[in-house]
């Protein structure tokens, strides 16, 4: 009987605990596969514009155009140009690295409206994703993402 009371009390305590919020670890960005001037993943197609090299492109001029599987096409602003890889897709956002000279900038673009939701500071180097953070540059800035893969705070240096 004593064991039954303990189990009942534990069950009630569990029911009264608040739900644990989703963590940044729940954020899963997909790297878009690029062929020619088009990047694709999960029903989203991004037209990157003219490639720098038709055989082995490493940069695209833009303008960035995004099409959802059954939706209209939108076009990002002129700042989102000279696009490089990796293009990283979240539920509602596409992270697009760009460069000008030796500086790179990462843009978070809404996939339905093509509006820029966030823009990084300039950095030197590449872009990657690890454990709920975008990693920017050779002297890495870690940009934390929330469970929806949206930037949630200012970057910190690693």
N, C-alpha and C. Protein backbone atom coordinates (compact mmCIF):
# COMPACT_ATOMS: atom_id res chain seq x y z
N UNK A 1 0.83 -1.20 0.00
CA UNK A 1 0.00 0.00 0.00
C UNK A 1 0.87 1.26 0.00
N UNK A 2 1.96 1.22 0.79
CA UNK A 2 2.89 2.35 0.86
C UNK A 2 3.49 2.63 -0.52
N UNK A 3 3.88 1.57 -1.26
CA UNK A 3 4.44 1.71 -2.60
C UNK A 3 3.42 2.33 -3.55
N UNK A 4 2.17 1.95 -3.44
CA UNK A 4 1.12 2.50 -4.28
C UNK A 4 0.95 3.99 -4.05
N UNK A 5 1.03 4.44 -2.80
CA UNK A 5 0.92 5.87 -2.48
C UNK A 5 2.09 6.65 -3.09
N UNK A 6 3.29 6.08 -3.00
CA UNK A 6 4.47 6.75 -3.57
C UNK A 6 4.32 6.88 -5.08
N UNK A 7 3.89 5.83 -5.76
CA UNK A 7 3.69 5.87 -7.21
C UNK A 7 2.62 6.88 -7.59
N UNK A 8 1.52 6.93 -6.83
CA UNK A 8 0.44 7.87 -7.10
C UNK A 8 0.95 9.30 -6.90
N UNK A 9 1.69 9.55 -5.83
CA UNK A 9 2.23 10.88 -5.57
C UNK A 9 3.21 11.30 -6.67
N UNK A 10 4.05 10.38 -7.11
CA UNK A 10 5.00 10.68 -8.18
C UNK A 10 4.28 10.98 -9.48
N UNK A 11 3.22 10.24 -9.76
CA UNK A 11 2.44 10.47 -10.98
C UNK A 11 1.79 11.84 -10.96
N UNK A 12 1.21 12.23 -9.84
CA UNK A 12 0.58 13.54 -9.72
C UNK A 12 1.60 14.65 -9.83
N UNK A 13 2.77 14.47 -9.23
CA UNK A 13 3.83 15.48 -9.31
C UNK A 13 4.27 15.67 -10.75
N UNK A 14 4.38 14.59 -11.49
CA UNK A 14 4.78 14.67 -12.90
C UNK A 14 3.75 15.44 -13.71
N UNK A 15 2.49 15.22 -13.45
CA UNK A 15 1.43 15.93 -14.17
C UNK A 15 1.44 17.41 -13.88
N UNK A 16 1.91 17.80 -12.71
CA UNK A 16 1.89 19.20 -12.32
C UNK A 16 3.11 19.97 -12.80
N UNK A 17 4.15 19.28 -13.31
CA UNK A 17 5.34 19.96 -13.80
C UNK A 17 5.02 20.70 -15.09
N UNK A 18 5.57 21.90 -15.27
CA UNK A 18 5.36 22.59 -16.54
C UNK A 18 6.05 21.84 -17.66
N UNK A 19 5.52 21.99 -18.86
CA UNK A 19 6.13 21.34 -20.02
C UNK A 19 7.51 21.96 -20.26
N UNK A 20 8.46 21.13 -20.57
CA UNK A 20 9.81 21.59 -20.83
C UNK A 20 9.84 22.22 -22.22
N UNK A 21 10.30 23.47 -22.34
CA UNK A 21 10.32 24.10 -23.66
C UNK A 21 11.31 23.41 -24.59
N UNK A 22 11.05 23.52 -25.89
CA UNK A 22 11.96 22.94 -26.87
C UNK A 22 13.29 23.66 -26.79
N UNK A 23 14.35 22.95 -27.03
CA UNK A 23 15.68 23.54 -26.97
C UNK A 23 16.21 23.81 -28.37
N UNK A 24 17.30 24.56 -28.44
CA UNK A 24 17.93 24.83 -29.73
C UNK A 24 18.37 23.54 -30.41
N UNK A 25 18.61 22.50 -29.61
CA UNK A 25 19.00 21.22 -30.19
C UNK A 25 17.88 20.66 -31.08
N UNK A 26 16.64 21.13 -30.86
CA UNK A 26 15.52 20.70 -31.69
C UNK A 26 15.58 21.33 -33.08
N UNK A 27 16.37 22.37 -33.23
CA UNK A 27 16.52 23.05 -34.52
C UNK A 27 17.33 22.16 -35.45
N UNK A 28 16.76 21.85 -36.58
CA UNK A 28 17.45 21.04 -37.59
C UNK A 28 17.49 21.83 -38.89
N UNK A 29 18.65 22.32 -39.23
CA UNK A 29 18.82 23.00 -40.51
C UNK A 29 19.22 21.98 -41.57
N UNK A 30 18.64 22.11 -42.74
CA UNK A 30 18.98 21.24 -43.87
C UNK A 30 19.88 22.01 -44.82
N UNK A 31 20.99 21.40 -45.22
CA UNK A 31 21.83 22.03 -46.22
C UNK A 31 21.20 21.77 -47.58
N UNK A 32 20.93 22.85 -48.32
CA UNK A 32 20.30 22.72 -49.62
C UNK A 32 21.31 22.18 -50.63
N UNK A 33 20.86 21.30 -51.48
CA UNK A 33 21.68 20.73 -52.53
C UNK A 33 21.66 21.68 -53.73
N UNK A 34 22.85 22.08 -54.19
CA UNK A 34 22.94 23.04 -55.30
C UNK A 34 23.36 22.31 -56.57
N UNK A 35 22.57 22.52 -57.62
CA UNK A 35 22.90 22.03 -58.96
C UNK A 35 22.72 23.19 -59.93
N UNK A 36 23.80 23.56 -60.60
CA UNK A 36 23.74 24.71 -61.50
C UNK A 36 23.48 25.97 -60.70
N UNK A 37 22.37 26.63 -61.00
CA UNK A 37 21.99 27.85 -60.28
C UNK A 37 20.82 27.65 -59.34
N UNK A 38 20.46 26.39 -59.07
CA UNK A 38 19.30 26.10 -58.23
C UNK A 38 19.69 25.29 -57.00
N UNK A 39 19.15 25.68 -55.85
CA UNK A 39 19.33 24.94 -54.60
C UNK A 39 17.97 24.40 -54.20
N UNK A 40 17.94 23.13 -53.74
CA UNK A 40 16.65 22.51 -53.40
C UNK A 40 16.75 21.72 -52.10
N UNK A 41 15.66 21.77 -51.32
CA UNK A 41 15.50 20.93 -50.13
C UNK A 41 14.07 21.09 -49.62
N UNK A 42 13.46 19.99 -49.23
CA UNK A 42 12.16 19.97 -48.54
C UNK A 42 11.09 20.83 -49.22
N UNK A 43 10.97 20.74 -50.53
CA UNK A 43 9.93 21.47 -51.24
C UNK A 43 10.21 22.94 -51.47
N UNK A 44 11.42 23.39 -51.16
CA UNK A 44 11.82 24.78 -51.39
C UNK A 44 12.88 24.80 -52.47
N UNK A 45 12.70 25.69 -53.45
CA UNK A 45 13.69 25.87 -54.50
C UNK A 45 14.18 27.30 -54.47
N UNK A 46 15.50 27.47 -54.46
CA UNK A 46 16.10 28.80 -54.48
C UNK A 46 16.86 28.96 -55.79
N UNK A 47 16.50 29.97 -56.57
CA UNK A 47 17.22 30.32 -57.78
C UNK A 47 18.27 31.33 -57.35
N UNK A 48 19.55 30.98 -57.53
CA UNK A 48 20.65 31.81 -57.04
C UNK A 48 21.17 32.81 -58.05
N UNK A 49 20.64 32.77 -59.27
CA UNK A 49 21.11 33.68 -60.31
C UNK A 49 22.29 33.09 -61.06
N UNK A 50 22.95 33.92 -61.83
CA UNK A 50 24.05 33.47 -62.68
C UNK A 50 25.25 33.01 -61.86
N UNK A 51 25.79 31.85 -62.24
CA UNK A 51 26.96 31.28 -61.54
C UNK A 51 28.25 31.91 -62.07
N UNK A 52 29.27 31.91 -61.21
CA UNK A 52 30.57 32.44 -61.62
C UNK A 52 31.29 31.51 -62.59
N UNK A 53 30.95 30.21 -62.55
CA UNK A 53 31.57 29.22 -63.41
C UNK A 53 30.52 28.16 -63.69
N UNK A 54 30.18 27.94 -64.94
CA UNK A 54 29.10 27.00 -65.26
C UNK A 54 29.45 25.55 -64.92
N UNK A 55 30.73 25.18 -64.95
CA UNK A 55 31.15 23.81 -64.66
C UNK A 55 31.28 23.53 -63.16
N UNK A 56 31.91 24.47 -62.44
CA UNK A 56 32.18 24.29 -61.01
C UNK A 56 31.92 25.59 -60.27
N UNK A 57 30.65 25.97 -60.12
CA UNK A 57 30.35 27.26 -59.48
C UNK A 57 30.67 27.26 -57.98
N UNK A 58 31.14 28.41 -57.51
CA UNK A 58 31.33 28.60 -56.07
C UNK A 58 30.62 29.86 -55.58
N UNK A 59 30.10 30.67 -56.52
CA UNK A 59 29.37 31.87 -56.16
C UNK A 59 28.32 32.16 -57.23
N UNK A 60 27.25 32.81 -56.82
CA UNK A 60 26.15 33.15 -57.72
C UNK A 60 25.80 34.61 -57.52
N UNK A 61 25.47 35.31 -58.62
CA UNK A 61 25.25 36.75 -58.60
C UNK A 61 23.93 37.18 -57.94
N UNK A 62 22.93 36.29 -57.93
CA UNK A 62 21.60 36.72 -57.50
C UNK A 62 20.90 37.34 -58.68
N UNK A 63 19.74 37.91 -58.52
CA UNK A 63 19.03 38.02 -57.25
C UNK A 63 18.51 36.65 -56.78
N UNK A 64 18.41 36.50 -55.46
CA UNK A 64 17.88 35.28 -54.86
C UNK A 64 16.37 35.26 -55.04
N UNK A 65 15.88 34.17 -55.66
CA UNK A 65 14.43 33.98 -55.81
C UNK A 65 14.07 32.66 -55.14
N UNK A 66 13.04 32.70 -54.30
CA UNK A 66 12.62 31.51 -53.56
C UNK A 66 11.21 31.12 -53.97
N UNK A 67 11.04 29.82 -54.24
CA UNK A 67 9.72 29.28 -54.58
C UNK A 67 9.42 28.12 -53.65
N UNK A 68 8.24 28.15 -53.04
CA UNK A 68 7.76 27.03 -52.26
C UNK A 68 7.06 26.07 -53.19
N UNK A 69 6.90 24.84 -52.77
CA UNK A 69 6.34 23.78 -53.61
C UNK A 69 5.07 24.22 -54.35
N UNK A 70 4.10 24.79 -53.62
CA UNK A 70 2.83 25.19 -54.24
C UNK A 70 2.56 26.67 -54.06
N UNK A 71 3.61 27.48 -53.97
CA UNK A 71 3.40 28.89 -53.70
C UNK A 71 4.01 29.78 -54.74
N UNK A 72 3.80 31.09 -54.58
CA UNK A 72 4.37 32.05 -55.51
C UNK A 72 5.88 32.20 -55.29
N UNK A 73 6.53 32.83 -56.24
CA UNK A 73 7.96 33.10 -56.16
C UNK A 73 8.16 34.49 -55.57
N UNK A 74 9.12 34.62 -54.66
CA UNK A 74 9.46 35.94 -54.15
C UNK A 74 10.94 36.21 -54.46
N UNK A 75 11.33 37.48 -54.41
CA UNK A 75 12.70 37.88 -54.72
C UNK A 75 13.27 38.67 -53.55
N UNK A 76 14.45 38.29 -53.09
CA UNK A 76 15.13 38.99 -52.00
C UNK A 76 15.72 40.30 -52.50
N UNK A 77 16.03 41.18 -51.58
CA UNK A 77 16.62 42.47 -51.92
C UNK A 77 18.01 42.33 -52.51
N UNK A 78 18.50 43.42 -53.10
CA UNK A 78 19.78 43.41 -53.81
C UNK A 78 20.97 43.14 -52.89
N UNK A 79 20.83 43.36 -51.59
CA UNK A 79 21.94 43.09 -50.66
C UNK A 79 22.28 41.61 -50.60
N UNK A 80 21.29 40.77 -50.86
CA UNK A 80 21.50 39.31 -50.80
C UNK A 80 22.02 38.87 -52.17
N UNK A 81 23.29 39.18 -52.42
CA UNK A 81 23.90 38.84 -53.71
C UNK A 81 25.36 38.45 -53.50
N UNK A 82 25.92 37.87 -54.54
CA UNK A 82 27.19 37.15 -54.52
C UNK A 82 27.09 36.09 -53.42
N UNK A 83 26.23 35.15 -53.71
CA UNK A 83 25.82 34.09 -52.79
C UNK A 83 26.84 32.95 -52.85
N UNK A 84 27.13 32.37 -51.68
CA UNK A 84 28.02 31.22 -51.60
C UNK A 84 27.31 30.10 -50.83
N UNK A 85 27.96 28.95 -50.74
CA UNK A 85 27.41 27.85 -49.94
C UNK A 85 28.02 27.87 -48.55
N UNK A 86 27.41 27.24 -47.58
CA UNK A 86 26.20 26.43 -47.64
C UNK A 86 24.94 27.26 -47.45
N UNK A 87 23.89 26.89 -48.16
CA UNK A 87 22.57 27.47 -47.93
C UNK A 87 21.87 26.54 -46.94
N UNK A 88 21.45 27.08 -45.81
CA UNK A 88 20.89 26.28 -44.72
C UNK A 88 19.42 26.63 -44.52
N UNK A 89 18.56 25.62 -44.61
CA UNK A 89 17.11 25.81 -44.57
C UNK A 89 16.53 25.35 -43.25
N UNK A 90 15.78 26.26 -42.61
CA UNK A 90 15.00 25.94 -41.42
C UNK A 90 13.53 25.90 -41.81
N UNK A 91 12.64 25.84 -40.83
CA UNK A 91 11.21 25.72 -41.11
C UNK A 91 10.65 26.92 -41.88
N UNK A 92 11.12 28.12 -41.54
CA UNK A 92 10.59 29.31 -42.20
C UNK A 92 11.66 30.27 -42.68
N UNK A 93 12.91 29.85 -42.58
CA UNK A 93 14.01 30.75 -42.88
C UNK A 93 15.09 30.04 -43.69
N UNK A 94 15.72 30.79 -44.59
CA UNK A 94 16.86 30.30 -45.36
C UNK A 94 18.05 31.18 -44.98
N UNK A 95 19.12 30.54 -44.50
CA UNK A 95 20.35 31.25 -44.18
C UNK A 95 21.23 31.26 -45.43
N UNK A 96 21.57 32.48 -45.88
CA UNK A 96 22.27 32.68 -47.15
C UNK A 96 23.58 33.43 -46.90
N UNK A 97 24.72 32.75 -47.08
CA UNK A 97 26.00 33.46 -46.96
C UNK A 97 26.32 34.21 -48.26
N UNK A 98 26.85 35.41 -48.09
CA UNK A 98 27.25 36.24 -49.23
C UNK A 98 28.65 36.79 -48.94
N UNK A 99 29.26 37.36 -49.97
CA UNK A 99 30.54 38.01 -49.73
C UNK A 99 30.70 39.22 -50.62
N UNK A 100 31.59 40.10 -50.17
CA UNK A 100 32.01 41.26 -50.94
C UNK A 100 33.46 41.50 -50.55
N UNK A 101 34.36 41.34 -51.50
CA UNK A 101 35.78 41.44 -51.19
C UNK A 101 36.17 40.30 -50.26
N UNK A 102 36.76 40.62 -49.11
CA UNK A 102 37.16 39.57 -48.17
C UNK A 102 36.15 39.40 -47.03
N UNK A 103 35.08 40.17 -47.06
CA UNK A 103 34.08 40.10 -46.00
C UNK A 103 32.89 39.24 -46.40
N UNK A 104 32.47 38.39 -45.47
CA UNK A 104 31.25 37.59 -45.66
C UNK A 104 30.16 38.16 -44.76
N UNK A 105 28.91 37.98 -45.17
CA UNK A 105 27.75 38.37 -44.39
C UNK A 105 26.72 37.26 -44.55
N UNK A 106 26.08 36.90 -43.45
CA UNK A 106 25.04 35.88 -43.49
C UNK A 106 23.69 36.55 -43.32
N UNK A 107 22.75 36.20 -44.21
CA UNK A 107 21.39 36.73 -44.15
C UNK A 107 20.42 35.62 -43.78
N UNK A 108 19.46 35.94 -42.93
CA UNK A 108 18.33 35.05 -42.65
C UNK A 108 17.15 35.61 -43.44
N UNK A 109 16.69 34.84 -44.44
CA UNK A 109 15.65 35.30 -45.35
C UNK A 109 14.38 34.47 -45.12
N UNK A 110 13.26 35.15 -44.92
CA UNK A 110 11.97 34.48 -44.77
C UNK A 110 11.64 33.79 -46.09
N UNK A 111 11.34 32.49 -46.06
CA UNK A 111 11.15 31.75 -47.31
C UNK A 111 9.81 32.06 -47.99
N UNK A 112 8.87 32.66 -47.29
CA UNK A 112 7.58 32.99 -47.90
C UNK A 112 7.55 34.39 -48.48
N UNK A 113 8.27 35.34 -47.85
CA UNK A 113 8.20 36.74 -48.28
C UNK A 113 9.51 37.25 -48.88
N UNK A 114 10.61 36.52 -48.67
CA UNK A 114 11.96 36.93 -49.08
C UNK A 114 12.47 38.16 -48.34
N UNK A 115 11.81 38.53 -47.27
CA UNK A 115 12.30 39.64 -46.46
C UNK A 115 13.46 39.16 -45.59
N UNK A 116 14.44 40.03 -45.42
CA UNK A 116 15.57 39.72 -44.55
C UNK A 116 15.11 39.88 -43.10
N UNK A 117 15.22 38.79 -42.34
CA UNK A 117 14.81 38.81 -40.93
C UNK A 117 15.97 39.15 -40.02
N UNK A 118 17.19 38.89 -40.48
CA UNK A 118 18.39 39.12 -39.68
C UNK A 118 19.59 39.17 -40.62
N UNK A 119 20.59 39.95 -40.22
CA UNK A 119 21.83 40.07 -40.99
C UNK A 119 22.99 40.04 -40.00
N UNK A 120 23.99 39.23 -40.28
CA UNK A 120 25.16 39.15 -39.40
C UNK A 120 26.05 40.37 -39.57
N UNK A 121 26.98 40.50 -38.65
CA UNK A 121 28.08 41.43 -38.84
C UNK A 121 29.00 40.82 -39.90
N UNK A 122 29.82 41.64 -40.51
CA UNK A 122 30.80 41.12 -41.49
C UNK A 122 31.79 40.22 -40.77
N UNK A 123 32.21 39.16 -41.45
CA UNK A 123 33.19 38.23 -40.89
C UNK A 123 34.04 37.68 -42.01
N UNK A 124 35.21 37.17 -41.66
CA UNK A 124 36.10 36.56 -42.64
C UNK A 124 36.04 35.05 -42.46
N UNK A 125 35.81 34.33 -43.54
CA UNK A 125 35.79 32.87 -43.47
C UNK A 125 34.46 32.28 -43.89
N UNK A 126 34.26 31.04 -43.46
CA UNK A 126 33.11 30.27 -43.92
C UNK A 126 31.98 30.24 -42.89
N UNK A 127 30.88 29.61 -43.28
CA UNK A 127 29.70 29.45 -42.44
C UNK A 127 29.45 27.96 -42.22
N UNK A 128 29.07 27.60 -41.00
CA UNK A 128 28.68 26.22 -40.73
C UNK A 128 27.61 26.21 -39.64
N UNK A 129 27.10 25.03 -39.34
CA UNK A 129 26.06 24.85 -38.33
C UNK A 129 26.45 23.70 -37.43
N UNK A 130 26.31 23.91 -36.10
CA UNK A 130 26.63 22.85 -35.15
C UNK A 130 25.89 23.09 -33.84
N UNK A 131 25.22 22.07 -33.36
CA UNK A 131 24.61 22.07 -32.02
C UNK A 131 23.80 23.32 -31.71
N UNK A 132 22.89 23.66 -32.62
CA UNK A 132 22.00 24.80 -32.37
C UNK A 132 22.62 26.17 -32.56
N UNK A 133 23.79 26.24 -33.21
CA UNK A 133 24.47 27.51 -33.46
C UNK A 133 24.96 27.58 -34.89
N UNK A 134 24.83 28.77 -35.48
CA UNK A 134 25.52 29.06 -36.73
C UNK A 134 26.93 29.48 -36.34
N UNK A 135 27.93 28.98 -37.03
CA UNK A 135 29.32 29.29 -36.74
C UNK A 135 29.85 30.12 -37.91
N UNK A 136 30.26 31.35 -37.62
CA UNK A 136 30.66 32.28 -38.67
C UNK A 136 32.14 32.63 -38.56
N UNK A 137 32.90 32.33 -39.60
CA UNK A 137 34.25 32.84 -39.74
C UNK A 137 35.38 32.05 -39.13
N UNK A 138 36.59 32.55 -39.43
CA UNK A 138 37.82 31.92 -38.94
C UNK A 138 38.04 32.15 -37.45
N UNK A 139 37.60 33.30 -36.95
CA UNK A 139 37.62 33.60 -35.51
C UNK A 139 36.16 33.49 -35.11
N UNK A 140 35.71 32.27 -34.90
CA UNK A 140 34.27 31.98 -34.93
C UNK A 140 33.39 32.81 -34.01
N UNK A 141 32.33 33.29 -34.62
CA UNK A 141 31.21 33.86 -33.88
C UNK A 141 30.16 32.77 -33.85
N UNK A 142 29.63 32.47 -32.67
CA UNK A 142 28.57 31.48 -32.53
C UNK A 142 27.25 32.22 -32.40
N UNK A 143 26.34 31.98 -33.34
CA UNK A 143 25.04 32.64 -33.35
C UNK A 143 24.00 31.61 -32.90
N UNK A 144 23.44 31.76 -31.69
CA UNK A 144 22.48 30.78 -31.18
C UNK A 144 21.13 30.86 -31.91
N UNK A 145 20.55 29.68 -32.14
CA UNK A 145 19.23 29.59 -32.77
C UNK A 145 18.25 29.01 -31.78
N UNK A 146 16.97 29.41 -31.91
CA UNK A 146 15.95 28.83 -31.05
C UNK A 146 15.44 27.53 -31.68
N UNK A 147 14.44 26.94 -31.09
CA UNK A 147 13.93 25.64 -31.56
C UNK A 147 13.33 25.72 -32.95
N UNK A 148 12.97 26.94 -33.40
CA UNK A 148 12.43 27.12 -34.75
C UNK A 148 13.51 27.50 -35.74
N UNK A 149 14.78 27.46 -35.29
CA UNK A 149 15.94 27.80 -36.12
C UNK A 149 16.03 29.28 -36.46
N UNK A 150 15.49 30.12 -35.57
CA UNK A 150 15.55 31.57 -35.73
C UNK A 150 16.60 32.12 -34.78
N UNK A 151 17.37 33.10 -35.24
CA UNK A 151 18.40 33.71 -34.41
C UNK A 151 17.75 34.28 -33.15
N UNK A 152 18.33 33.94 -31.98
CA UNK A 152 17.70 34.39 -30.74
C UNK A 152 18.52 35.38 -29.94
N UNK A 153 19.78 35.59 -30.26
CA UNK A 153 20.61 36.54 -29.51
C UNK A 153 21.79 36.96 -30.36
N UNK A 154 22.50 37.95 -29.85
CA UNK A 154 23.70 38.41 -30.53
C UNK A 154 24.76 37.31 -30.50
N UNK A 155 25.61 37.25 -31.52
CA UNK A 155 26.64 36.21 -31.54
C UNK A 155 27.70 36.43 -30.46
N UNK A 156 28.35 35.34 -30.09
CA UNK A 156 29.47 35.43 -29.16
C UNK A 156 30.68 34.76 -29.81
N UNK A 157 31.85 35.23 -29.47
CA UNK A 157 33.07 34.64 -30.03
C UNK A 157 33.39 33.36 -29.29
N UNK A 158 33.79 32.33 -30.03
CA UNK A 158 34.13 31.03 -29.43
C UNK A 158 35.59 30.99 -29.11
